[in-house]
Amino acid sequence: MLILSQLTFAQTSPSIYEAEILKNPNRGGKDTREVNAVLEFGKETLKITSRRKKEIFKEFKYSDIKYIEHSYSKTPLVTAATRTAVLALLTGLPLFFSENEKHWLTLGTDSDFAVLKIENDNYRLLKMEFLVRNFEVINVNENR
């Protein structure tokens, strides 16, 4: 009996993920910032709220969402020029540096949108949250 009630609670509680939403605090200005946010997948809506205060940045009804796009890019942690300089000055051997992935989630309705920077370990979970709600997530590779 206890197990059944816990399963019921787990199914009704919203899924929550951390992200950063792009916001422009100055209307019409050029000062876009990444603001700490929380995505809350409720029964009927997706809420994007502040991680620090009780503020709802955006709220979308699932029935209003028209598109969801996941994009990512890999950027080197060290530039090619730096690698060449270190190579020439120190060892003469090629140096290998890892690349940093950045993941973005863009979703929109007919009248609103949100651009979110999502954490590397959350993007697969977020994609699945939308897939179980019958949304197609468009994947875009931004590497050139």
Protein backbone atom coordinates (compact mmCIF):
# COMPACT_ATOMS: atom_id res chain seq x y z
CA MET A 1 0.00 0.00 0.00
CA LEU A 2 2.81 2.39 0.87
CA ILE A 3 4.63 1.68 -2.40
CA LEU A 4 1.50 2.42 -4.44
CA SER A 5 1.01 5.82 -2.79
CA GLN A 6 4.66 6.74 -3.41
CA LEU A 7 4.35 5.82 -7.09
CA THR A 8 1.25 7.95 -7.42
CA PHE A 9 3.04 10.91 -5.81
CA ALA A 10 6.06 10.50 -8.09
CA GLN A 11 3.85 10.62 -11.18
CA THR A 12 2.03 13.78 -10.15
CA SER A 13 4.97 15.84 -8.92
CA PRO A 14 6.48 18.13 -11.57
CA SER A 15 9.88 17.46 -13.12
CA ILE A 16 12.35 20.26 -12.40
CA TYR A 17 15.59 21.12 -14.23
CA GLU A 18 18.07 23.95 -13.87
CA ALA A 19 19.00 26.13 -16.86
CA GLU A 20 19.79 29.71 -17.77
CA ILE A 21 17.33 31.85 -19.70
CA LEU A 22 18.48 34.66 -21.97
CA LYS A 23 16.85 37.90 -20.85
CA ASN A 24 17.22 41.52 -21.79
CA PRO A 25 16.68 43.56 -18.62
CA ASN A 26 16.62 46.82 -20.60
CA ARG A 27 13.69 46.92 -23.03
CA GLY A 28 15.08 47.63 -26.48
CA GLY A 29 18.64 47.63 -25.17
CA LYS A 30 21.59 45.52 -26.19
CA ASP A 31 22.36 44.06 -22.79
CA THR A 32 21.30 40.40 -23.02
CA ARG A 33 22.19 38.28 -19.99
CA GLU A 34 22.04 34.67 -18.91
CA VAL A 35 19.83 34.49 -15.82
CA ASN A 36 19.61 31.44 -13.51
CA ALA A 37 16.29 29.70 -14.07
CA VAL A 38 14.35 26.54 -13.30
CA LEU A 39 12.19 24.63 -15.81
CA GLU A 40 9.17 23.06 -14.19
CA PHE A 41 7.24 20.50 -16.25
CA GLY A 42 3.75 20.53 -14.77
CA LYS A 43 0.65 18.67 -15.83
CA GLU A 44 -0.60 21.32 -18.30
CA THR A 45 2.19 23.91 -18.50
CA LEU A 46 5.92 24.47 -18.64
CA LYS A 47 7.02 27.21 -16.25
CA ILE A 48 10.38 28.94 -16.41
CA THR A 49 10.99 30.55 -13.04
CA SER A 50 13.80 32.34 -11.26
CA ARG A 51 16.17 30.13 -9.30
CA ARG A 52 16.68 32.88 -6.71
CA LYS A 53 13.33 34.61 -6.19
CA LYS A 54 9.66 33.83 -6.65
CA GLU A 55 9.35 35.17 -10.19
CA ILE A 56 7.88 33.44 -13.24
CA PHE A 57 9.86 34.44 -16.34
CA LYS A 58 7.69 32.54 -18.83
CA GLU A 59 4.81 30.09 -18.76
CA PHE A 60 3.77 28.02 -21.77
CA LYS A 61 0.75 25.78 -22.14
CA TYR A 62 1.84 22.58 -23.83
CA SER A 63 -0.98 23.00 -26.34
CA ASP A 64 0.46 26.40 -27.42
CA ILE A 65 4.05 25.26 -28.06
CA LYS A 66 4.74 25.17 -31.82
CA TYR A 67 8.42 24.23 -31.97
CA ILE A 68 11.30 23.05 -29.80
CA GLU A 69 14.86 23.21 -31.04
CA HIS A 70 17.95 21.74 -29.38
CA SER A 71 21.24 23.14 -30.68
CA TYR A 72 24.78 22.63 -29.58
CA SER A 73 28.28 23.62 -30.50
CA LYS A 74 31.73 22.52 -29.49
CA THR A 75 34.19 25.25 -28.72
CA PRO A 76 37.84 24.59 -27.96
CA LEU A 77 38.97 25.55 -24.49
CA VAL A 78 42.22 26.85 -26.01
CA THR A 79 42.44 28.60 -29.39
CA ALA A 80 44.43 27.25 -32.31
CA ALA A 81 46.87 30.16 -32.08
CA THR A 82 47.61 29.36 -28.45
CA ARG A 83 48.16 25.69 -29.28
CA THR A 84 50.61 26.61 -32.07
CA ALA A 85 52.55 28.99 -29.83
CA VAL A 86 52.86 26.46 -27.01
CA LEU A 87 53.83 23.77 -29.50
CA ALA A 88 56.56 25.87 -31.08
CA LEU A 89 57.96 27.24 -27.83
CA LEU A 90 57.96 24.25 -25.54
CA THR A 91 57.90 20.76 -26.89
CA GLY A 92 57.61 20.43 -30.61
CA LEU A 93 54.92 17.82 -29.94
CA PRO A 94 51.24 18.31 -30.77
CA LEU A 95 49.10 19.18 -27.77
CA PHE A 96 45.53 18.04 -27.48
CA PHE A 97 42.91 20.07 -25.68
CA SER A 98 39.34 19.08 -24.95
CA GLU A 99 36.35 20.87 -26.39
CA ASN A 100 33.56 22.41 -24.36
CA GLU A 101 29.99 21.68 -25.51
CA LYS A 102 27.30 24.32 -25.15
CA HIS A 103 23.67 23.22 -25.39
CA TRP A 104 20.74 25.52 -26.13
CA LEU A 105 17.00 24.94 -26.10
CA THR A 106 14.70 27.27 -28.01
CA LEU A 107 10.95 26.94 -27.78
CA GLY A 108 8.20 29.08 -29.18
CA THR A 109 4.52 29.67 -29.56
CA ASP A 110 2.68 31.94 -32.00
CA SER A 111 3.26 34.94 -29.71
CA ASP A 112 6.19 34.17 -27.38
CA PHE A 113 9.51 32.33 -27.17
CA ALA A 114 12.31 31.39 -24.78
CA VAL A 115 16.01 30.76 -25.38
CA LEU A 116 17.65 28.63 -22.71
CA LYS A 117 21.24 27.59 -22.11
CA ILE A 118 21.04 24.10 -20.67
CA GLU A 119 23.62 22.15 -18.74
CA ASN A 120 25.57 19.40 -20.49
CA ASP A 121 24.19 16.71 -18.18
CA ASN A 122 20.54 17.85 -18.53
CA TYR A 123 20.00 18.13 -22.26
CA ARG A 124 19.16 14.46 -22.80
CA LEU A 125 16.69 14.48 -19.90
CA LEU A 126 15.04 17.65 -21.18
CA LYS A 127 14.71 16.19 -24.68
CA MET A 128 13.01 13.13 -23.20
CA GLU A 129 10.62 15.30 -21.16
CA PHE A 130 9.38 16.81 -24.42
CA LEU A 131 9.33 13.49 -26.28
CA VAL A 132 7.10 11.84 -23.66
CA ARG A 133 4.73 14.79 -24.15
CA ASN A 134 4.63 14.04 -27.92
CA PHE A 135 6.79 16.96 -29.06
CA GLU A 136 9.35 16.59 -31.81
CA VAL A 137 12.67 18.17 -30.83
CA ILE A 138 14.61 19.55 -33.80
CA ASN A 139 18.38 19.00 -33.48
CA VAL A 140 20.78 21.56 -34.91
CA ASN A 141 24.56 21.11 -34.93
CA GLU A 142 26.15 24.56 -34.93
CA ASN A 143 29.73 23.40 -35.50
CA ARG A 144 31.19 24.91 -38.62
